[in-house]
């Protein structure tokens, strides 16, 4: 999921947040300066385990993930694999 200068990527066992570093993008390739206008670098990685996460979105409360394994909408957590936010 991308929003502005942020990018969130869910893989099998983790969620990684990237941030754009446009000042570094210009000189990323020495042989072709100015080729890129954006360079997304990893900033935070949350180890979630196998949650079967397939959709992400940034909201007022931070990052929301669809947690299929536990049948809920959740947020990432600094202390646990996830924090449940809504369950049908």
PDB file of N, CA and C in Angstrom:
ATOM      1  N   UNK A   1       0.841  -1.155   0.000  1.00  0.00           N
ATOM      2  CA  UNK A   1       0.000   0.000   0.000  1.00  0.00           C
ATOM      3  C   UNK A   1       0.896   1.231   0.000  1.00  0.00           C
ATOM      4  N   UNK A   2       0.597   2.188  -0.831  1.00  0.00           N
ATOM      5  CA  UNK A   2       1.382   3.421  -0.907  1.00  0.00           C
ATOM      6  C   UNK A   2       0.487   4.615  -0.622  1.00  0.00           C
ATOM      7  N   UNK A   3       1.014   5.547   0.151  1.00  0.00           N
ATOM      8  CA  UNK A   3       0.300   6.781   0.447  1.00  0.00           C
ATOM      9  C   UNK A   3       1.333   7.889   0.651  1.00  0.00           C
ATOM     10  N   UNK A   4       1.346   8.853  -0.238  1.00  0.00           N
ATOM     11  CA  UNK A   4       2.301   9.954  -0.129  1.00  0.00           C
ATOM     12  C   UNK A   4       3.727   9.454  -0.196  1.00  0.00           C
ATOM     13  N   UNK A   5       4.498   9.750   0.822  1.00  0.00           N
ATOM     14  CA  UNK A   5       5.900   9.331   0.851  1.00  0.00           C
ATOM     15  C   UNK A   5       6.106   8.050   1.650  1.00  0.00           C
ATOM     16  N   UNK A   6       5.002   7.335   1.955  1.00  0.00           N
ATOM     17  CA  UNK A   6       5.096   6.077   2.713  1.00  0.00           C
ATOM     18  C   UNK A   6       4.669   4.908   1.848  1.00  0.00           C
ATOM     19  N   UNK A   7       5.232   3.752   2.167  1.00  0.00           N
ATOM     20  CA  UNK A   7       4.912   2.520   1.466  1.00  0.00           C
ATOM     21  C   UNK A   7       4.909   1.393   2.493  1.00  0.00           C
ATOM     22  N   UNK A   8       3.879   0.561   2.476  1.00  0.00           N
ATOM     23  CA  UNK A   8       3.800  -0.590   3.378  1.00  0.00           C
ATOM     24  C   UNK A   8       3.728  -1.850   2.533  1.00  0.00           C
ATOM     25  N   UNK A   9       4.495  -2.851   2.922  1.00  0.00           N
ATOM     26  CA  UNK A   9       4.567  -4.105   2.189  1.00  0.00           C
ATOM     27  C   UNK A   9       4.377  -5.265   3.155  1.00  0.00           C
ATOM     28  N   UNK A  10       3.410  -6.134   2.864  1.00  0.00           N
ATOM     29  CA  UNK A  10       3.182  -7.330   3.685  1.00  0.00           C
ATOM     30  C   UNK A  10       3.758  -8.534   2.960  1.00  0.00           C
ATOM     31  N   UNK A  11       4.559  -9.297   3.672  1.00  0.00           N
ATOM     32  CA  UNK A  11       5.067 -10.561   3.159  1.00  0.00           C
ATOM     33  C   UNK A  11       4.507 -11.671   4.037  1.00  0.00           C
ATOM     34  N   UNK A  12       4.958 -12.873   3.848  1.00  0.00           N
ATOM     35  CA  UNK A  12       4.382 -14.005   4.575  1.00  0.00           C
ATOM     36  C   UNK A  12       4.482 -13.867   6.095  1.00  0.00           C
ATOM     37  N   UNK A  13       5.621 -13.375   6.596  1.00  0.00           N
ATOM     38  CA  UNK A  13       5.842 -13.329   8.039  1.00  0.00           C
ATOM     39  C   UNK A  13       6.148 -11.942   8.592  1.00  0.00           C
ATOM     40  N   UNK A  14       6.039 -10.903   7.769  1.00  0.00           N
ATOM     41  CA  UNK A  14       6.362  -9.580   8.278  1.00  0.00           C
ATOM     42  C   UNK A  14       5.668  -8.482   7.485  1.00  0.00           C
ATOM     43  N   UNK A  15       5.616  -7.310   8.108  1.00  0.00           N
ATOM     44  CA  UNK A  15       5.127  -6.093   7.466  1.00  0.00           C
ATOM     45  C   UNK A  15       6.272  -5.087   7.551  1.00  0.00           C
ATOM     46  N   UNK A  16       6.663  -4.532   6.400  1.00  0.00           N
ATOM     47  CA  UNK A  16       7.762  -3.582   6.351  1.00  0.00           C
ATOM     48  C   UNK A  16       7.243  -2.232   5.887  1.00  0.00           C
ATOM     49  N   UNK A  17       7.648  -1.184   6.592  1.00  0.00           N
ATOM     50  CA  UNK A  17       7.288   0.181   6.227  1.00  0.00           C
ATOM     51  C   UNK A  17       8.497   0.855   5.597  1.00  0.00           C
ATOM     52  N   UNK A  18       8.272   1.494   4.457  1.00  0.00           N
ATOM     53  CA  UNK A  18       9.314   2.196   3.730  1.00  0.00           C
ATOM     54  C   UNK A  18       8.997   3.680   3.724  1.00  0.00           C
ATOM     55  N   UNK A  19      10.037   4.515   3.665  1.00  0.00           N
ATOM     56  CA  UNK A  19       9.865   5.961   3.552  1.00  0.00           C
ATOM     57  C   UNK A  19      10.687   6.460   2.373  1.00  0.00           C
ATOM     58  N   UNK A  20      10.168   7.450   1.681  1.00  0.00           N
ATOM     59  CA  UNK A  20      10.845   8.020   0.528  1.00  0.00           C
ATOM     60  C   UNK A  20      11.996   8.913   0.989  1.00  0.00           C
ATOM     61  N   UNK A  21      13.130   8.784   0.312  1.00  0.00           N
ATOM     62  CA  UNK A  21      14.296   9.629   0.555  1.00  0.00           C
ATOM     63  C   UNK A  21      14.663  10.305  -0.764  1.00  0.00           C
ATOM     64  N   UNK A  22      13.894  11.342  -1.177  1.00  0.00           N
ATOM     65  CA  UNK A  22      14.112  11.940  -2.495  1.00  0.00           C
ATOM     66  C   UNK A  22      15.481  12.583  -2.671  1.00  0.00           C
ATOM     67  N   UNK A  23      16.098  13.059  -1.597  1.00  0.00           N
ATOM     68  CA  UNK A  23      17.426  13.656  -1.722  1.00  0.00           C
ATOM     69  C   UNK A  23      18.486  12.625  -2.099  1.00  0.00           C
ATOM     70  N   UNK A  24      18.283  11.377  -1.699  1.00  0.00           N
ATOM     71  CA  UNK A  24      19.221  10.306  -2.054  1.00  0.00           C
ATOM     72  C   UNK A  24      18.945   9.737  -3.437  1.00  0.00           C
ATOM     73  N   UNK A  25      17.715   9.883  -3.915  1.00  0.00           N
ATOM     74  CA  UNK A  25      17.314   9.284  -5.189  1.00  0.00           C
ATOM     75  C   UNK A  25      18.069   9.875  -6.374  1.00  0.00           C
ATOM     76  N   UNK A  26      18.307  11.176  -6.351  1.00  0.00           N
ATOM     77  CA  UNK A  26      18.951  11.848  -7.482  1.00  0.00           C
ATOM     78  C   UNK A  26      20.316  11.233  -7.809  1.00  0.00           C
ATOM     79  N   UNK A  27      21.091  10.905  -6.807  1.00  0.00           N
ATOM     80  CA  UNK A  27      22.443  10.375  -7.015  1.00  0.00           C
ATOM     81  C   UNK A  27      22.542   8.869  -6.810  1.00  0.00           C
ATOM     82  N   UNK A  28      21.430   8.162  -6.887  1.00  0.00           N
ATOM     83  CA  UNK A  28      21.439   6.717  -6.638  1.00  0.00           C
ATOM     84  C   UNK A  28      22.332   5.980  -7.627  1.00  0.00           C
ATOM     85  N   UNK A  29      22.244   6.299  -8.908  1.00  0.00           N
ATOM     86  CA  UNK A  29      23.115   5.698  -9.917  1.00  0.00           C
ATOM     87  C   UNK A  29      24.195   6.704 -10.300  1.00  0.00           C
ATOM     88  N   UNK A  30      25.445   6.354 -10.062  1.00  0.00           N
ATOM     89  CA  UNK A  30      26.544   7.262 -10.386  1.00  0.00           C
ATOM     90  C   UNK A  30      26.623   7.545 -11.881  1.00  0.00           C
ATOM     91  N   UNK A  31      26.339   6.525 -12.704  1.00  0.00           N
ATOM     92  CA  UNK A  31      26.449   6.693 -14.147  1.00  0.00           C
ATOM     93  C   UNK A  31      25.242   7.386 -14.775  1.00  0.00           C
ATOM     94  N   UNK A  32      24.161   7.564 -14.017  1.00  0.00           N
ATOM     95  CA  UNK A  32      22.959   8.227 -14.547  1.00  0.00           C
ATOM     96  C   UNK A  32      22.311   9.091 -13.465  1.00  0.00           C
ATOM     97  N   UNK A  33      22.980  10.173 -13.047  1.00  0.00           N
ATOM     98  CA  UNK A  33      22.387  11.019 -12.004  1.00  0.00           C
ATOM     99  C   UNK A  33      21.082  11.659 -12.476  1.00  0.00           C
ATOM    100  N   UNK A  34      20.132  11.753 -11.567  1.00  0.00           N
ATOM    101  CA  UNK A  34      18.843  12.340 -11.881  1.00  0.00           C
ATOM    102  C   UNK A  34      17.856  11.392 -12.525  1.00  0.00           C
ATOM    103  N   UNK A  35      18.240  10.137 -12.690  1.00  0.00           N
ATOM    104  CA  UNK A  35      17.335   9.175 -13.333  1.00  0.00           C
ATOM    105  C   UNK A  35      16.109   8.895 -12.468  1.00  0.00           C
ATOM    106  N   UNK A  36      16.287   8.854 -11.151  1.00  0.00           N
ATOM    107  CA  UNK A  36      15.184   8.535 -10.242  1.00  0.00           C
ATOM    108  C   UNK A  36      14.795   9.767  -9.436  1.00  0.00           C
ATOM    109  N   UNK A  37      13.501   9.902  -9.159  1.00  0.00           N
ATOM    110  CA  UNK A  37      13.025  11.003  -8.327  1.00  0.00           C
ATOM    111  C   UNK A  37      12.527  10.518  -6.969  1.00  0.00           C
ATOM    112  N   UNK A  38      12.533   9.211  -6.742  1.00  0.00           N
ATOM    113  CA  UNK A  38      12.105   8.645  -5.464  1.00  0.00           C
ATOM    114  C   UNK A  38      12.966   7.429  -5.138  1.00  0.00           C
ATOM    115  N   UNK A  39      13.225   7.253  -3.857  1.00  0.00           N
ATOM    116  CA  UNK A  39      13.977   6.091  -3.381  1.00  0.00           C
ATOM    117  C   UNK A  39      13.375   5.690  -2.041  1.00  0.00           C
ATOM    118  N   UNK A  40      12.662   4.577  -2.034  1.00  0.00           N
ATOM    119  CA  UNK A  40      12.002   4.112  -0.821  1.00  0.00           C
ATOM    120  C   UNK A  40      12.938   3.184  -0.052  1.00  0.00           C
ATOM    121  N   UNK A  41      13.232   3.560   1.180  1.00  0.00           N
ATOM    122  CA  UNK A  41      14.140   2.801   2.036  1.00  0.00           C
ATOM    123  C   UNK A  41      13.357   2.182   3.187  1.00  0.00           C
ATOM    124  N   UNK A  42      13.711   0.949   3.586  1.00  0.00           N
ATOM    125  CA  UNK A  42      13.008   0.326   4.718  1.00  0.00           C
ATOM    126  C   UNK A  42      13.318   1.075   6.013  1.00  0.00           C
ATOM    127  N   UNK A  43      12.269   1.345   6.781  1.00  0.00           N
ATOM    128  CA  UNK A  43      12.430   2.072   8.048  1.00  0.00           C
ATOM    129  C   UNK A  43      12.046   1.235   9.255  1.00  0.00           C
ATOM    130  N   UNK A  44      10.973   0.436   9.135  1.00  0.00           N
ATOM    131  CA  UNK A  44      10.492  -0.376  10.253  1.00  0.00           C
ATOM    132  C   UNK A  44      10.036  -1.720   9.702  1.00  0.00           C
ATOM    133  N   UNK A  45      10.355  -2.785  10.432  1.00  0.00           N
ATOM    134  CA  UNK A  45       9.909  -4.120  10.038  1.00  0.00           C
ATOM    135  C   UNK A  45       9.255  -4.784  11.251  1.00  0.00           C
ATOM    136  N   UNK A  46       8.010  -5.214  11.095  1.00  0.00           N
ATOM    137  CA  UNK A  46       7.275  -5.897  12.159  1.00  0.00           C
ATOM    138  C   UNK A  46       7.203  -7.381  11.823  1.00  0.00           C
ATOM    139  N   UNK A  47       7.673  -8.232  12.714  1.00  0.00           N
ATOM    140  CA  UNK A  47       7.567  -9.676  12.557  1.00  0.00           C
ATOM    141  C   UNK A  47       6.181 -10.087  13.040  1.00  0.00           C
ATOM    142  N   UNK A  48       5.347 -10.555  12.128  1.00  0.00           N
ATOM    143  CA  UNK A  48       3.959 -10.860  12.464  1.00  0.00           C
ATOM    144  C   UNK A  48       3.665 -12.347  12.551  1.00  0.00           C
ATOM    145  N   UNK A  49       4.524 -13.174  12.003  1.00  0.00           N
ATOM    146  CA  UNK A  49       4.185 -14.584  11.891  1.00  0.00           C
ATOM    147  C   UNK A  49       3.283 -14.778  10.689  1.00  0.00           C
ATOM    148  N   UNK A  50       2.764 -15.957  10.516  1.00  0.00           N
ATOM    149  CA  UNK A  50       1.952 -16.293   9.345  1.00  0.00           C
ATOM    150  C   UNK A  50       0.497 -15.881   9.573  1.00  0.00           C
ATOM    151  N   UNK A  51       0.180 -14.597   9.331  1.00  0.00           N
ATOM    152  CA  UNK A  51      -1.174 -14.078   9.535  1.00  0.00           C
ATOM    153  C   UNK A  51      -2.011 -14.110   8.274  1.00  0.00           C
ATOM    154  N   UNK A  52      -1.404 -14.438   7.144  1.00  0.00           N
ATOM    155  CA  UNK A  52      -2.071 -14.397   5.845  1.00  0.00           C
ATOM    156  C   UNK A  52      -2.609 -12.983   5.586  1.00  0.00           C
ATOM    157  N   UNK A  53      -1.738 -12.009   5.755  1.00  0.00           N
ATOM    158  CA  UNK A  53      -2.068 -10.609   5.524  1.00  0.00           C
ATOM    159  C   UNK A  53      -2.080 -10.342   4.032  1.00  0.00           C
ATOM    160  N   UNK A  54      -3.177  -9.749   3.534  1.00  0.00           N
ATOM    161  CA  UNK A  54      -3.238  -9.502   2.099  1.00  0.00           C
ATOM    162  C   UNK A  54      -3.656  -8.093   1.735  1.00  0.00           C
ATOM    163  N   UNK A  55      -4.128  -7.287   2.650  1.00  0.00           N
ATOM    164  CA  UNK A  55      -4.487  -5.901   2.361  1.00  0.00           C
ATOM    165  C   UNK A  55      -3.983  -5.008   3.484  1.00  0.00           C
ATOM    166  N   UNK A  56      -3.520  -3.824   3.114  1.00  0.00           N
ATOM    167  CA  UNK A  56      -2.989  -2.852   4.068  1.00  0.00           C
ATOM    168  C   UNK A  56      -3.566  -1.484   3.757  1.00  0.00           C
ATOM    169  N   UNK A  57      -3.657  -0.628   4.773  1.00  0.00           N
ATOM    170  CA  UNK A  57      -4.072   0.758   4.565  1.00  0.00           C
ATOM    171  C   UNK A  57      -3.619   1.590   5.764  1.00  0.00           C
ATOM    172  N   UNK A  58      -3.232   2.828   5.486  1.00  0.00           N
ATOM    173  CA  UNK A  58      -2.912   3.762   6.555  1.00  0.00           C
ATOM    174  C   UNK A  58      -4.191   4.476   6.959  1.00  0.00           C
ATOM    175  N   UNK A  59      -4.454   4.532   8.251  1.00  0.00           N
ATOM    176  CA  UNK A  59      -5.630   5.205   8.775  1.00  0.00           C
ATOM    177  C   UNK A  59      -5.236   6.176   9.872  1.00  0.00           C
ATOM    178  N   UNK A  60      -6.228   6.747  10.544  1.00  0.00           N
ATOM    179  CA  UNK A  60      -5.956   7.682  11.636  1.00  0.00           C
ATOM    180  C   UNK A  60      -5.214   7.005  12.786  1.00  0.00           C
ATOM    181  N   UNK A  61      -5.469   5.693  12.965  1.00  0.00           N
ATOM    182  CA  UNK A  61      -4.855   4.934  14.055  1.00  0.00           C
ATOM    183  C   UNK A  61      -3.549   4.267  13.641  1.00  0.00           C
ATOM    184  N   UNK A  62      -3.006   4.607  12.497  1.00  0.00           N
ATOM    185  CA  UNK A  62      -1.789   3.966  12.017  1.00  0.00           C
ATOM    186  C   UNK A  62      -2.102   2.979  10.908  1.00  0.00           C
ATOM    187  N   UNK A  63      -1.283   1.967  10.781  1.00  0.00           N
ATOM    188  CA  UNK A  63      -1.433   0.981   9.718  1.00  0.00           C
ATOM    189  C   UNK A  63      -2.473  -0.077  10.098  1.00  0.00           C
ATOM    190  N   UNK A  64      -3.409  -0.338   9.190  1.00  0.00           N
ATOM    191  CA  UNK A  64      -4.418  -1.385   9.357  1.00  0.00           C
ATOM    192  C   UNK A  64      -4.048  -2.538   8.433  1.00  0.00           C
ATOM    193  N   UNK A  65      -4.211  -3.769   8.915  1.00  0.00           N
ATOM    194  CA  UNK A  65      -3.955  -4.957   8.098  1.00  0.00           C
ATOM    195  C   UNK A  65      -5.163  -5.896   8.166  1.00  0.00           C
ATOM    196  N   UNK A  66      -5.398  -6.602   7.072  1.00  0.00           N
ATOM    197  CA  UNK A  66      -6.416  -7.642   7.064  1.00  0.00           C
ATOM    198  C   UNK A  66      -5.726  -8.925   7.517  1.00  0.00           C
ATOM    199  N   UNK A  67      -6.127  -9.424   8.664  1.00  0.00           N
ATOM    200  CA  UNK A  67      -5.525 -10.594   9.296  1.00  0.00           C
ATOM    201  C   UNK A  67      -6.462 -11.783   9.067  1.00  0.00           C
ATOM    202  N   UNK A  68      -6.243 -12.512   7.997  1.00  0.00           N
ATOM    203  CA  UNK A  68      -7.141 -13.601   7.621  1.00  0.00           C
ATOM    204  C   UNK A  68      -7.044 -14.786   8.580  1.00  0.00           C
ATOM    205  N   UNK A  69      -5.873 -15.086   9.081  1.00  0.00           N
ATOM    206  CA  UNK A  69      -5.709 -16.249   9.962  1.00  0.00           C
ATOM    207  C   UNK A  69      -6.555 -16.123  11.222  1.00  0.00           C
ATOM    208  N   UNK A  70      -6.681 -14.923  11.773  1.00  0.00           N
ATOM    209  CA  UNK A  70      -7.470 -14.718  12.989  1.00  0.00           C
ATOM    210  C   UNK A  70      -8.789 -14.001  12.709  1.00  0.00           C
ATOM    211  N   UNK A  71      -9.147 -13.859  11.437  1.00  0.00           N
ATOM    212  CA  UNK A  71     -10.440 -13.318  11.006  1.00  0.00           C
ATOM    213  C   UNK A  71     -10.740 -11.961  11.645  1.00  0.00           C
ATOM    214  N   UNK A  72      -9.819 -10.994  11.433  1.00  0.00           N
ATOM    215  CA  UNK A  72     -10.037  -9.671  11.992  1.00  0.00           C
ATOM    216  C   UNK A  72      -9.263  -8.620  11.211  1.00  0.00           C
ATOM    217  N   UNK A  73      -9.608  -7.373  11.468  1.00  0.00           N
ATOM    218  CA  UNK A  73      -8.783  -6.254  11.029  1.00  0.00           C
ATOM    219  C   UNK A  73      -7.889  -5.916  12.208  1.00  0.00           C
ATOM    220  N   UNK A  74      -6.621  -5.683  11.931  1.00  0.00           N
ATOM    221  CA  UNK A  74      -5.670  -5.522  13.020  1.00  0.00           C
ATOM    222  C   UNK A  74      -4.686  -4.407  12.716  1.00  0.00           C
ATOM    223  N   UNK A  75      -3.921  -4.081  13.723  1.00  0.00           N
ATOM    224  CA  UNK A  75      -2.829  -3.131  13.583  1.00  0.00           C
ATOM    225  C   UNK A  75      -1.535  -3.816  13.962  1.00  0.00           C
ATOM    226  N   UNK A  76      -0.435  -3.251  13.525  1.00  0.00           N
ATOM    227  CA  UNK A  76       0.859  -3.804  13.918  1.00  0.00           C
ATOM    228  C   UNK A  76       1.128  -3.403  15.363  1.00  0.00           C
ATOM    229  N   UNK A  77       1.956  -4.160  16.036  1.00  0.00           N
ATOM    230  CA  UNK A  77       2.204  -3.933  17.456  1.00  0.00           C
ATOM    231  C   UNK A  77       3.700  -3.996  17.749  1.00  0.00           C
ATOM    232  N   UNK A  78       4.139  -3.171  18.687  1.00  0.00           N
ATOM    233  CA  UNK A  78       5.535  -3.213  19.122  1.00  0.00           C
ATOM    234  C   UNK A  78       5.785  -4.362  20.096  1.00  0.00           C
ATOM    235  N   UNK A  79       4.728  -4.864  20.729  1.00  0.00           N
ATOM    236  CA  UNK A  79       4.873  -5.892  21.757  1.00  0.00           C
ATOM    237  C   UNK A  79       4.387  -7.278  21.345  1.00  0.00           C
ATOM    238  N   UNK A  80       3.460  -7.353  20.387  1.00  0.00           N
ATOM    239  CA  UNK A  80       2.862  -8.628  20.000  1.00  0.00           C
ATOM    240  C   UNK A  80       2.888  -8.766  18.484  1.00  0.00           C
ATOM    241  N   UNK A  81       2.421  -9.888  17.978  1.00  0.00           N
ATOM    242  CA  UNK A  81       2.376 -10.100  16.527  1.00  0.00           C
ATOM    243  C   UNK A  81       1.421  -9.128  15.850  1.00  0.00           C
ATOM    244  N   UNK A  82       0.335  -8.786  16.515  1.00  0.00           N
ATOM    245  CA  UNK A  82      -0.640  -7.842  15.992  1.00  0.00           C
ATOM    246  C   UNK A  82      -1.545  -7.391  17.133  1.00  0.00           C
ATOM    247  N   UNK A  83      -2.314  -6.333  16.883  1.00  0.00           N
ATOM    248  CA  UNK A  83      -3.321  -5.857  17.814  1.00  0.00           C
ATOM    249  C   UNK A  83      -4.668  -5.891  17.125  1.00  0.00           C
ATOM    250  N   UNK A  84      -5.613  -6.730  17.573  1.00  0.00           N
ATOM    251  CA  UNK A  84      -6.931  -6.757  16.928  1.00  0.00           C
ATOM    252  C   UNK A  84      -7.647  -5.418  17.107  1.00  0.00           C
ATOM    253  N   UNK A  85      -8.258  -4.933  16.015  1.00  0.00           N
ATOM    254  CA  UNK A  85      -8.982  -3.661  16.077  1.00  0.00           C
ATOM    255  C   UNK A  85     -10.473  -3.831  15.782  1.00  0.00           C
ATOM    256  N   UNK A  86     -10.826  -4.794  14.935  1.00  0.00           N
ATOM    257  CA  UNK A  86     -12.232  -5.027  14.602  1.00  0.00           C
ATOM    258  C   UNK A  86     -12.398  -6.481  14.199  1.00  0.00           C
ATOM    259  N   UNK A  87     -13.454  -7.099  14.714  1.00  0.00           N
ATOM    260  CA  UNK A  87     -13.756  -8.496  14.391  1.00  0.00           C
ATOM    261  C   UNK A  87     -15.228  -8.608  14.033  1.00  0.00           C
ATOM    262  N   UNK A  88     -15.546  -9.282  12.903  1.00  0.00           N
ATOM    263  CA  UNK A  88     -16.959  -9.408  12.516  1.00  0.00           C
ATOM    264  C   UNK A  88     -17.726 -10.344  13.444  1.00  0.00           C
TER     265      UNK A  88
END
